[in-house]
């Protein structure tokens, strides 16, 4: 019975982690997502059951891809912000007139 509980606990923790990855994947696709809750490691005695290891490994791979995608998206956003700042600085009219044409 204790092993069943431990198995269910680990399954639910993997479900929680998978939901977090799904949120990031949806965010990267420009879809609405719910705010993520902070993840705390499970307080379970023992190790992850052996038959859940492939699922955990797959989830770890998805997390790594999502992290890399987020890093690329952040770098792209930072470049766009820098470009916007340069364009804005080059095209903003001065706050006060620079000269006055008296002959016009």
N, C-alpha and C. Protein backbone atom coordinates (compact mmCIF):
# COMPACT_ATOMS: atom_id res chain seq x y z
N UNK A 1 0.81 -1.20 0.00
CA UNK A 1 0.00 0.00 0.00
C UNK A 1 0.86 1.27 0.00
N UNK A 2 1.95 1.25 0.77
CA UNK A 2 2.83 2.42 0.82
C UNK A 2 3.48 2.65 -0.53
N UNK A 3 3.80 1.55 -1.23
CA UNK A 3 4.40 1.69 -2.56
C UNK A 3 3.41 2.32 -3.53
N UNK A 4 2.13 1.97 -3.42
CA UNK A 4 1.11 2.57 -4.28
C UNK A 4 1.01 4.07 -4.04
N UNK A 5 1.05 4.46 -2.78
CA UNK A 5 0.99 5.89 -2.45
C UNK A 5 2.20 6.63 -3.00
N UNK A 6 3.36 6.04 -2.85
CA UNK A 6 4.59 6.65 -3.35
C UNK A 6 4.52 6.79 -4.87
N UNK A 7 4.02 5.77 -5.52
CA UNK A 7 3.89 5.80 -6.98
C UNK A 7 2.95 6.92 -7.40
N UNK A 8 1.82 7.04 -6.74
CA UNK A 8 0.84 8.08 -7.07
C UNK A 8 1.43 9.46 -6.79
N UNK A 9 2.18 9.59 -5.73
CA UNK A 9 2.82 10.87 -5.41
C UNK A 9 3.78 11.27 -6.52
N UNK A 10 4.62 10.34 -6.96
CA UNK A 10 5.56 10.65 -8.02
C UNK A 10 4.84 10.94 -9.33
N UNK A 11 3.79 10.22 -9.62
CA UNK A 11 3.01 10.50 -10.83
C UNK A 11 2.43 11.90 -10.80
N UNK A 12 1.89 12.30 -9.67
CA UNK A 12 1.30 13.64 -9.58
C UNK A 12 2.37 14.72 -9.67
N UNK A 13 3.56 14.47 -9.15
CA UNK A 13 4.65 15.44 -9.28
C UNK A 13 5.07 15.57 -10.74
N UNK A 14 5.14 14.45 -11.45
CA UNK A 14 5.46 14.52 -12.88
C UNK A 14 4.35 15.25 -13.65
N UNK A 15 3.10 15.03 -13.25
CA UNK A 15 1.98 15.76 -13.87
C UNK A 15 2.16 17.26 -13.68
N UNK A 16 2.54 17.66 -12.47
CA UNK A 16 2.74 19.08 -12.18
C UNK A 16 3.87 19.67 -13.02
N UNK A 17 4.96 18.93 -13.13
CA UNK A 17 6.07 19.41 -13.94
C UNK A 17 5.68 19.49 -15.41
N UNK A 18 4.93 18.51 -15.87
CA UNK A 18 4.50 18.53 -17.26
C UNK A 18 3.58 19.72 -17.53
N UNK A 19 2.73 20.04 -16.59
CA UNK A 19 1.86 21.20 -16.75
C UNK A 19 2.68 22.48 -16.87
N UNK A 20 3.74 22.60 -16.09
CA UNK A 20 4.61 23.77 -16.19
C UNK A 20 5.26 23.86 -17.57
N UNK A 21 5.72 22.73 -18.09
CA UNK A 21 6.32 22.73 -19.43
C UNK A 21 5.27 23.09 -20.48
N UNK A 22 4.07 22.57 -20.34
CA UNK A 22 2.99 22.92 -21.28
C UNK A 22 2.72 24.42 -21.25
N UNK A 23 2.75 25.01 -20.09
CA UNK A 23 2.53 26.46 -19.98
C UNK A 23 3.59 27.23 -20.75
N UNK A 24 4.84 26.83 -20.59
CA UNK A 24 5.94 27.50 -21.30
C UNK A 24 5.80 27.29 -22.80
N UNK A 25 5.49 26.08 -23.21
CA UNK A 25 5.33 25.80 -24.64
C UNK A 25 4.20 26.64 -25.24
N UNK A 26 3.10 26.78 -24.51
CA UNK A 26 1.99 27.61 -24.99
C UNK A 26 2.39 29.07 -25.03
N UNK A 27 3.13 29.52 -24.05
CA UNK A 27 3.61 30.90 -24.01
C UNK A 27 4.48 31.20 -25.22
N UNK A 28 5.37 30.27 -25.54
CA UNK A 28 6.26 30.46 -26.69
C UNK A 28 5.51 30.48 -28.01
N UNK A 29 4.37 29.82 -28.06
CA UNK A 29 3.57 29.82 -29.29
C UNK A 29 2.64 31.03 -29.35
N UNK A 30 2.70 31.88 -28.33
CA UNK A 30 1.85 33.07 -28.31
C UNK A 30 0.44 32.79 -27.83
N UNK A 31 0.23 31.65 -27.22
CA UNK A 31 -1.10 31.31 -26.72
C UNK A 31 -1.21 31.74 -25.26
N UNK A 32 -2.44 31.95 -24.83
CA UNK A 32 -2.66 32.32 -23.43
C UNK A 32 -2.27 31.16 -22.54
N UNK A 33 -1.77 31.49 -21.40
CA UNK A 33 -1.39 30.46 -20.44
C UNK A 33 -1.74 30.94 -19.03
N UNK A 34 -1.88 30.00 -18.14
CA UNK A 34 -2.16 30.33 -16.75
C UNK A 34 -0.84 30.56 -16.02
N UNK A 35 -0.85 31.38 -14.99
CA UNK A 35 0.40 31.57 -14.24
C UNK A 35 0.82 30.26 -13.58
N UNK A 36 2.10 30.03 -13.55
CA UNK A 36 2.63 28.80 -12.96
C UNK A 36 2.84 28.98 -11.47
N UNK A 37 2.62 27.91 -10.75
CA UNK A 37 2.91 27.90 -9.32
C UNK A 37 4.36 27.49 -9.14
N UNK A 38 5.02 28.01 -8.12
CA UNK A 38 6.40 27.56 -7.87
C UNK A 38 6.41 26.07 -7.58
N UNK A 39 7.43 25.38 -8.06
CA UNK A 39 7.52 23.94 -7.86
C UNK A 39 8.45 23.65 -6.71
N UNK A 40 8.01 22.81 -5.84
CA UNK A 40 8.84 22.32 -4.75
C UNK A 40 9.06 20.83 -4.96
N UNK A 41 10.25 20.35 -4.68
CA UNK A 41 10.47 18.92 -4.84
C UNK A 41 9.52 18.13 -3.94
N UNK A 42 9.15 16.95 -4.37
CA UNK A 42 8.24 16.15 -3.54
C UNK A 42 8.93 15.73 -2.24
N UNK A 43 8.14 15.63 -1.23
CA UNK A 43 8.64 15.17 0.07
C UNK A 43 8.26 13.70 0.21
N UNK A 44 8.81 12.90 -0.65
CA UNK A 44 8.48 11.48 -0.68
C UNK A 44 9.71 10.68 -0.29
N UNK A 45 9.50 9.70 0.53
CA UNK A 45 10.63 8.83 0.83
C UNK A 45 10.92 7.94 -0.37
N UNK A 46 12.16 7.65 -0.55
CA UNK A 46 12.51 6.74 -1.63
C UNK A 46 12.74 7.45 -2.94
N UNK A 47 13.01 6.65 -3.95
CA UNK A 47 13.33 7.18 -5.26
C UNK A 47 12.13 7.07 -6.19
N UNK A 48 12.27 7.73 -7.32
CA UNK A 48 11.27 7.65 -8.38
C UNK A 48 11.13 6.20 -8.81
N UNK A 49 9.91 5.68 -8.90
CA UNK A 49 9.73 4.31 -9.36
C UNK A 49 10.33 4.10 -10.75
N UNK A 50 10.92 2.95 -10.96
CA UNK A 50 11.64 2.66 -12.18
C UNK A 50 10.82 2.80 -13.45
N UNK A 51 9.54 2.43 -13.42
CA UNK A 51 8.75 2.52 -14.65
C UNK A 51 8.32 3.95 -14.98
N UNK A 52 8.58 4.90 -14.06
CA UNK A 52 8.31 6.31 -14.35
C UNK A 52 9.54 7.04 -14.89
N UNK A 53 10.67 6.37 -14.89
CA UNK A 53 11.92 7.01 -15.34
C UNK A 53 11.84 7.44 -16.81
N UNK A 54 11.32 6.63 -17.75
CA UNK A 54 11.23 7.12 -19.14
C UNK A 54 10.38 8.38 -19.27
N UNK A 55 9.28 8.43 -18.53
CA UNK A 55 8.44 9.63 -18.57
C UNK A 55 9.20 10.83 -18.01
N UNK A 56 9.90 10.63 -16.92
CA UNK A 56 10.67 11.71 -16.31
C UNK A 56 11.78 12.18 -17.25
N UNK A 57 12.42 11.25 -17.94
CA UNK A 57 13.48 11.62 -18.88
C UNK A 57 12.91 12.42 -20.05
N UNK A 58 11.75 11.98 -20.57
CA UNK A 58 11.10 12.71 -21.66
C UNK A 58 10.74 14.13 -21.20
N UNK A 59 10.23 14.24 -19.99
CA UNK A 59 9.87 15.55 -19.44
C UNK A 59 11.12 16.42 -19.27
N UNK A 60 12.21 15.82 -18.84
CA UNK A 60 13.46 16.57 -18.70
C UNK A 60 13.94 17.09 -20.05
N UNK A 61 13.80 16.27 -21.09
CA UNK A 61 14.17 16.71 -22.44
C UNK A 61 13.29 17.87 -22.91
N UNK A 62 12.00 17.78 -22.64
CA UNK A 62 11.09 18.88 -23.01
C UNK A 62 11.44 20.15 -22.26
N UNK A 63 11.79 20.02 -20.98
CA UNK A 63 12.18 21.19 -20.21
C UNK A 63 13.43 21.84 -20.81
N UNK A 64 14.39 21.03 -21.22
CA UNK A 64 15.62 21.58 -21.81
C UNK A 64 15.30 22.31 -23.11
N UNK A 65 14.42 21.74 -23.95
CA UNK A 65 14.05 22.42 -25.20
C UNK A 65 13.31 23.72 -24.90
N UNK A 66 12.40 23.68 -23.93
CA UNK A 66 11.64 24.89 -23.57
C UNK A 66 12.57 25.97 -23.03
N UNK A 67 13.56 25.57 -22.22
CA UNK A 67 14.53 26.54 -21.69
C UNK A 67 15.32 27.18 -22.83
N UNK A 68 15.77 26.37 -23.78
CA UNK A 68 16.52 26.91 -24.92
C UNK A 68 15.63 27.83 -25.76
N UNK A 69 14.38 27.44 -25.97
CA UNK A 69 13.46 28.29 -26.73
C UNK A 69 13.20 29.61 -26.01
N UNK A 70 13.06 29.55 -24.70
CA UNK A 70 12.86 30.78 -23.92
C UNK A 70 14.08 31.69 -24.01
N UNK A 71 15.26 31.11 -23.96
CA UNK A 71 16.48 31.91 -24.06
C UNK A 71 16.56 32.60 -25.42
N UNK A 72 16.20 31.88 -26.48
CA UNK A 72 16.21 32.49 -27.82
C UNK A 72 15.15 33.59 -27.91
N UNK A 73 13.96 33.34 -27.36
CA UNK A 73 12.90 34.34 -27.40
C UNK A 73 13.29 35.58 -26.61
N UNK A 74 13.93 35.39 -25.47
CA UNK A 74 14.38 36.53 -24.66
C UNK A 74 15.45 37.33 -25.40
N UNK A 75 16.40 36.64 -26.02
CA UNK A 75 17.44 37.34 -26.78
C UNK A 75 16.83 38.13 -27.92
N UNK A 76 15.86 37.54 -28.61
CA UNK A 76 15.20 38.23 -29.71
C UNK A 76 14.44 39.46 -29.21
N UNK A 77 13.75 39.30 -28.08
CA UNK A 77 13.00 40.43 -27.51
C UNK A 77 13.96 41.56 -27.10
N UNK A 78 15.10 41.19 -26.54
CA UNK A 78 16.08 42.20 -26.13
C UNK A 78 16.62 42.95 -27.35
N UNK A 79 16.83 42.24 -28.45
CA UNK A 79 17.29 42.90 -29.68
C UNK A 79 16.22 43.85 -30.21
N UNK A 80 14.96 43.43 -30.17
CA UNK A 80 13.87 44.29 -30.63
C UNK A 80 13.75 45.54 -29.77
N UNK A 81 13.90 45.39 -28.47
CA UNK A 81 13.83 46.55 -27.57
C UNK A 81 14.98 47.51 -27.86
N UNK A 82 16.18 46.97 -28.03
CA UNK A 82 17.33 47.83 -28.34
C UNK A 82 17.12 48.55 -29.66
N UNK A 83 16.61 47.85 -30.66
CA UNK A 83 16.34 48.47 -31.96
C UNK A 83 15.28 49.57 -31.81
N UNK A 84 14.22 49.27 -31.07
CA UNK A 84 13.17 50.27 -30.84
C UNK A 84 13.71 51.51 -30.14
N UNK A 85 14.60 51.29 -29.18
CA UNK A 85 15.21 52.43 -28.48
C UNK A 85 16.06 53.28 -29.43
N UNK A 86 16.81 52.62 -30.32
CA UNK A 86 17.64 53.37 -31.27
C UNK A 86 16.77 54.16 -32.24
N UNK A 87 15.72 53.53 -32.76
CA UNK A 87 14.82 54.22 -33.70
C UNK A 87 14.12 55.38 -32.99
N UNK A 88 13.66 55.12 -31.79
CA UNK A 88 12.97 56.17 -31.04
C UNK A 88 13.89 57.35 -30.78
N UNK A 89 15.14 57.07 -30.41
CA UNK A 89 16.10 58.15 -30.15
C UNK A 89 16.44 58.93 -31.40
N UNK A 90 16.42 58.27 -32.54
CA UNK A 90 16.79 58.94 -33.79
C UNK A 90 15.62 59.71 -34.39
N UNK A 91 14.41 59.39 -34.03
CA UNK A 91 13.26 60.02 -34.68
C UNK A 91 12.45 60.91 -33.75
N UNK A 92 12.82 61.01 -32.52
CA UNK A 92 12.08 61.83 -31.58
C UNK A 92 12.40 63.30 -31.82
N UNK A 93 11.38 64.11 -31.93
CA UNK A 93 11.58 65.55 -32.12
C UNK A 93 12.13 66.16 -30.83
N UNK A 94 12.97 67.17 -30.94
CA UNK A 94 13.47 67.82 -29.73
C UNK A 94 12.32 68.46 -28.94
N UNK A 95 12.50 68.56 -27.66
CA UNK A 95 11.47 69.12 -26.80
C UNK A 95 11.29 70.62 -27.06
N UNK A 96 12.35 71.31 -27.43
CA UNK A 96 12.28 72.75 -27.71
C UNK A 96 12.74 72.98 -29.15
N UNK A 97 12.26 74.04 -29.79
CA UNK A 97 12.72 74.33 -31.16
C UNK A 97 14.23 74.54 -31.18
N UNK A 98 14.86 74.07 -32.24
CA UNK A 98 16.29 74.21 -32.38
C UNK A 98 16.62 75.56 -32.99
N UNK A 99 15.80 76.04 -33.95
CA UNK A 99 16.04 77.34 -34.54
C UNK A 99 14.69 77.95 -34.91
N UNK A 100 14.69 79.25 -35.21
CA UNK A 100 13.50 79.96 -35.61
C UNK A 100 13.79 80.65 -36.94
N UNK A 101 13.00 80.35 -37.96
CA UNK A 101 13.18 80.93 -39.31
C UNK A 101 12.42 82.26 -39.34
N UNK A 102 13.13 83.37 -39.31
CA UNK A 102 12.51 84.67 -39.29
C UNK A 102 12.09 85.16 -40.68
N UNK A 103 12.55 84.52 -41.74
CA UNK A 103 12.25 84.96 -43.09
C UNK A 103 11.10 84.18 -43.73
N UNK A 104 10.56 83.23 -43.10
CA UNK A 104 9.52 82.41 -43.71
C UNK A 104 8.18 83.06 -43.75
